[in-house]
Amino acid sequence: MDASFDGSMDRSEILRLELEVLRGEHRDLDDAISALQEKAGADRLTIQRLKKRKLLLKDKIAHLEDQITPDIIA
């Protein structure tokens, strides 16, 4: 975090920041997977591991989104 962090962030702000970090990592993995798949001699095991990591990130992102915007029972 920033050196000027004074602890004034509430829980939803922290969750939103964490969500943005995870989304960025998810995009980076997507780009890496695409680049490896275009490469002729790409290591299939590496691609498989990256895809698994990407799915885990997707689950974490969904969990954080649920925490930020909980279900509303109508």
N, C-alpha and C. Protein backbone atom coordinates (compact mmCIF):
# COMPACT_ATOMS: atom_id res chain seq x y z
N MET A 1 0.83 -1.18 0.00
CA MET A 1 0.00 0.00 0.00
C MET A 1 0.88 1.25 0.00
N ASP A 2 0.27 2.37 -0.11
CA ASP A 2 0.94 3.65 -0.11
C ASP A 2 1.45 3.97 1.30
N ALA A 3 2.58 4.64 1.39
CA ALA A 3 3.16 5.00 2.68
C ALA A 3 2.25 5.95 3.46
N SER A 4 1.38 6.67 2.76
CA SER A 4 0.49 7.61 3.43
C SER A 4 -0.81 6.95 3.89
N PHE A 5 -0.90 5.65 3.77
CA PHE A 5 -2.10 4.92 4.20
C PHE A 5 -2.34 5.18 5.68
N ASP A 6 -3.51 5.68 6.01
CA ASP A 6 -3.78 6.05 7.39
C ASP A 6 -4.83 5.17 8.06
N GLY A 7 -5.20 4.08 7.42
CA GLY A 7 -6.17 3.17 8.01
C GLY A 7 -7.60 3.64 7.88
N SER A 8 -7.85 4.65 7.06
CA SER A 8 -9.19 5.19 6.95
C SER A 8 -10.05 4.49 5.90
N MET A 9 -9.49 3.51 5.21
CA MET A 9 -10.25 2.79 4.19
C MET A 9 -11.23 1.83 4.87
N ASP A 10 -12.44 1.81 4.38
CA ASP A 10 -13.40 0.86 4.95
C ASP A 10 -13.28 -0.48 4.22
N ARG A 11 -14.01 -1.46 4.71
CA ARG A 11 -13.90 -2.82 4.20
C ARG A 11 -14.25 -2.91 2.72
N SER A 12 -15.28 -2.20 2.28
CA SER A 12 -15.69 -2.27 0.88
C SER A 12 -14.62 -1.68 -0.05
N GLU A 13 -13.93 -0.62 0.39
CA GLU A 13 -12.86 -0.05 -0.42
C GLU A 13 -11.70 -1.03 -0.56
N ILE A 14 -11.38 -1.71 0.53
CA ILE A 14 -10.30 -2.70 0.50
C ILE A 14 -10.67 -3.85 -0.43
N LEU A 15 -11.92 -4.30 -0.35
CA LEU A 15 -12.38 -5.38 -1.22
C LEU A 15 -12.34 -4.96 -2.69
N ARG A 16 -12.72 -3.72 -2.96
CA ARG A 16 -12.69 -3.22 -4.34
C ARG A 16 -11.26 -3.16 -4.88
N LEU A 17 -10.32 -2.73 -4.05
CA LEU A 17 -8.92 -2.70 -4.48
C LEU A 17 -8.40 -4.12 -4.74
N GLU A 18 -8.72 -5.02 -3.84
CA GLU A 18 -8.30 -6.41 -4.02
C GLU A 18 -8.92 -6.99 -5.29
N LEU A 19 -10.16 -6.64 -5.55
CA LEU A 19 -10.85 -7.10 -6.74
C LEU A 19 -10.14 -6.61 -8.01
N GLU A 20 -9.75 -5.37 -8.03
CA GLU A 20 -9.04 -4.82 -9.19
C GLU A 20 -7.70 -5.51 -9.41
N VAL A 21 -7.00 -5.81 -8.33
CA VAL A 21 -5.72 -6.51 -8.44
C VAL A 21 -5.93 -7.90 -9.05
N LEU A 22 -6.94 -8.61 -8.56
CA LEU A 22 -7.23 -9.95 -9.07
C LEU A 22 -7.67 -9.91 -10.53
N ARG A 23 -8.47 -8.91 -10.88
CA ARG A 23 -8.89 -8.78 -12.28
C ARG A 23 -7.69 -8.52 -13.19
N GLY A 24 -6.76 -7.71 -12.73
CA GLY A 24 -5.55 -7.45 -13.51
C GLY A 24 -4.72 -8.71 -13.68
N GLU A 25 -4.58 -9.48 -12.62
CA GLU A 25 -3.83 -10.73 -12.71
C GLU A 25 -4.55 -11.71 -13.65
N HIS A 26 -5.87 -11.73 -13.61
CA HIS A 26 -6.66 -12.59 -14.49
C HIS A 26 -6.42 -12.22 -15.95
N ARG A 27 -6.43 -10.90 -16.24
CA ARG A 27 -6.16 -10.43 -17.61
C ARG A 27 -4.75 -10.80 -18.06
N ASP A 28 -3.78 -10.65 -17.15
CA ASP A 28 -2.41 -10.99 -17.48
C ASP A 28 -2.26 -12.48 -17.80
N LEU A 29 -2.93 -13.31 -17.02
CA LEU A 29 -2.89 -14.75 -17.29
C LEU A 29 -3.53 -15.07 -18.64
N ASP A 30 -4.62 -14.39 -18.94
CA ASP A 30 -5.29 -14.60 -20.22
C ASP A 30 -4.35 -14.26 -21.38
N ASP A 31 -3.64 -13.15 -21.25
CA ASP A 31 -2.67 -12.75 -22.28
C ASP A 31 -1.54 -13.76 -22.39
N ALA A 32 -1.05 -14.23 -21.25
CA ALA A 32 0.05 -15.20 -21.25
C ALA A 32 -0.38 -16.52 -21.89
N ILE A 33 -1.58 -16.96 -21.57
CA ILE A 33 -2.10 -18.20 -22.15
C ILE A 33 -2.24 -18.06 -23.66
N SER A 34 -2.78 -16.95 -24.10
CA SER A 34 -2.95 -16.72 -25.54
C SER A 34 -1.60 -16.72 -26.26
N ALA A 35 -0.62 -16.05 -25.66
CA ALA A 35 0.70 -15.99 -26.27
C ALA A 35 1.34 -17.38 -26.35
N LEU A 36 1.20 -18.16 -25.30
CA LEU A 36 1.77 -19.51 -25.31
C LEU A 36 1.07 -20.42 -26.31
N GLN A 37 -0.24 -20.27 -26.44
CA GLN A 37 -0.98 -21.12 -27.38
C GLN A 37 -0.63 -20.80 -28.82
N GLU A 38 -0.23 -19.57 -29.10
CA GLU A 38 0.16 -19.18 -30.45
C GLU A 38 1.57 -19.67 -30.78
N LYS A 39 2.34 -19.95 -29.76
CA LYS A 39 3.72 -20.41 -29.94
C LYS A 39 3.70 -21.88 -30.37
N ALA A 40 4.51 -22.23 -31.37
CA ALA A 40 4.50 -23.57 -31.96
C ALA A 40 4.87 -24.66 -30.94
N GLY A 41 5.91 -24.47 -30.19
CA GLY A 41 6.38 -25.51 -29.28
C GLY A 41 5.97 -25.26 -27.85
N ALA A 42 4.77 -24.77 -27.64
CA ALA A 42 4.32 -24.40 -26.30
C ALA A 42 4.21 -25.62 -25.40
N ASP A 43 4.58 -25.43 -24.15
CA ASP A 43 4.50 -26.48 -23.14
C ASP A 43 3.06 -26.62 -22.68
N ARG A 44 2.44 -27.74 -22.99
CA ARG A 44 1.03 -27.97 -22.65
C ARG A 44 0.80 -27.96 -21.14
N LEU A 45 1.74 -28.49 -20.38
CA LEU A 45 1.60 -28.54 -18.93
C LEU A 45 1.57 -27.12 -18.35
N THR A 46 2.42 -26.26 -18.85
CA THR A 46 2.44 -24.87 -18.40
C THR A 46 1.12 -24.18 -18.71
N ILE A 47 0.62 -24.40 -19.92
CA ILE A 47 -0.66 -23.79 -20.30
C ILE A 47 -1.78 -24.30 -19.40
N GLN A 48 -1.77 -25.60 -19.12
CA GLN A 48 -2.79 -26.19 -18.25
C GLN A 48 -2.73 -25.59 -16.85
N ARG A 49 -1.53 -25.41 -16.32
CA ARG A 49 -1.37 -24.81 -14.99
C ARG A 49 -1.85 -23.36 -14.97
N LEU A 50 -1.53 -22.61 -16.02
CA LEU A 50 -1.99 -21.22 -16.09
C LEU A 50 -3.51 -21.14 -16.17
N LYS A 51 -4.11 -22.05 -16.92
CA LYS A 51 -5.57 -22.06 -17.01
C LYS A 51 -6.20 -22.40 -15.67
N LYS A 52 -5.59 -23.32 -14.94
CA LYS A 52 -6.10 -23.67 -13.61
C LYS A 52 -6.01 -22.47 -12.68
N ARG A 53 -4.88 -21.77 -12.72
CA ARG A 53 -4.70 -20.57 -11.90
C ARG A 53 -5.73 -19.51 -12.27
N LYS A 54 -5.99 -19.38 -13.56
CA LYS A 54 -6.97 -18.40 -14.04
C LYS A 54 -8.36 -18.73 -13.50
N LEU A 55 -8.73 -20.01 -13.49
CA LEU A 55 -10.03 -20.42 -12.94
C LEU A 55 -10.12 -20.14 -11.45
N LEU A 56 -9.04 -20.37 -10.72
CA LEU A 56 -9.02 -20.06 -9.29
C LEU A 56 -9.22 -18.57 -9.06
N LEU A 57 -8.57 -17.76 -9.87
CA LEU A 57 -8.74 -16.31 -9.77
C LEU A 57 -10.18 -15.91 -10.08
N LYS A 58 -10.78 -16.56 -11.07
CA LYS A 58 -12.16 -16.26 -11.42
C LYS A 58 -13.09 -16.54 -10.23
N ASP A 59 -12.83 -17.64 -9.53
CA ASP A 59 -13.63 -17.97 -8.35
C ASP A 59 -13.43 -16.93 -7.24
N LYS A 60 -12.19 -16.51 -7.03
CA LYS A 60 -11.91 -15.48 -6.02
C LYS A 60 -12.59 -14.17 -6.37
N ILE A 61 -12.56 -13.82 -7.66
CA ILE A 61 -13.20 -12.59 -8.12
C ILE A 61 -14.70 -12.66 -7.87
N ALA A 62 -15.32 -13.79 -8.19
CA ALA A 62 -16.76 -13.95 -7.97
C ALA A 62 -17.09 -13.86 -6.48
N HIS A 63 -16.24 -14.44 -5.65
CA HIS A 63 -16.46 -14.39 -4.20
C HIS A 63 -16.40 -12.94 -3.68
N LEU A 64 -15.40 -12.20 -4.14
CA LEU A 64 -15.27 -10.79 -3.72
C LEU A 64 -16.45 -9.96 -4.22
N GLU A 65 -16.86 -10.21 -5.46
CA GLU A 65 -18.02 -9.48 -5.99
C GLU A 65 -19.26 -9.76 -5.16
N ASP A 66 -19.43 -11.00 -4.70
CA ASP A 66 -20.56 -11.34 -3.85
C ASP A 66 -20.48 -10.63 -2.51
N GLN A 67 -19.28 -10.45 -1.99
CA GLN A 67 -19.12 -9.75 -0.71
C GLN A 67 -19.42 -8.26 -0.85
N ILE A 68 -19.08 -7.70 -2.00
CA ILE A 68 -19.30 -6.28 -2.23
C ILE A 68 -20.78 -6.00 -2.49
N THR A 69 -21.40 -6.83 -3.30
CA THR A 69 -22.83 -6.66 -3.63
C THR A 69 -23.58 -7.94 -3.25
N PRO A 70 -23.99 -8.05 -2.01
CA PRO A 70 -24.69 -9.26 -1.57
C PRO A 70 -26.05 -9.42 -2.25
N ASP A 71 -26.52 -10.65 -2.27
CA ASP A 71 -27.83 -10.94 -2.86
C ASP A 71 -28.93 -10.21 -2.11
N ILE A 72 -29.89 -9.71 -2.87
CA ILE A 72 -31.03 -9.05 -2.29
C ILE A 72 -32.25 -9.94 -2.50
N ILE A 73 -32.87 -10.32 -1.42
CA ILE A 73 -34.05 -11.16 -1.51
C ILE A 73 -35.25 -10.26 -1.73
N ALA A 74 -35.94 -10.47 -2.85
CA ALA A 74 -37.08 -9.62 -3.18
C ALA A 74 -38.38 -10.28 -2.77
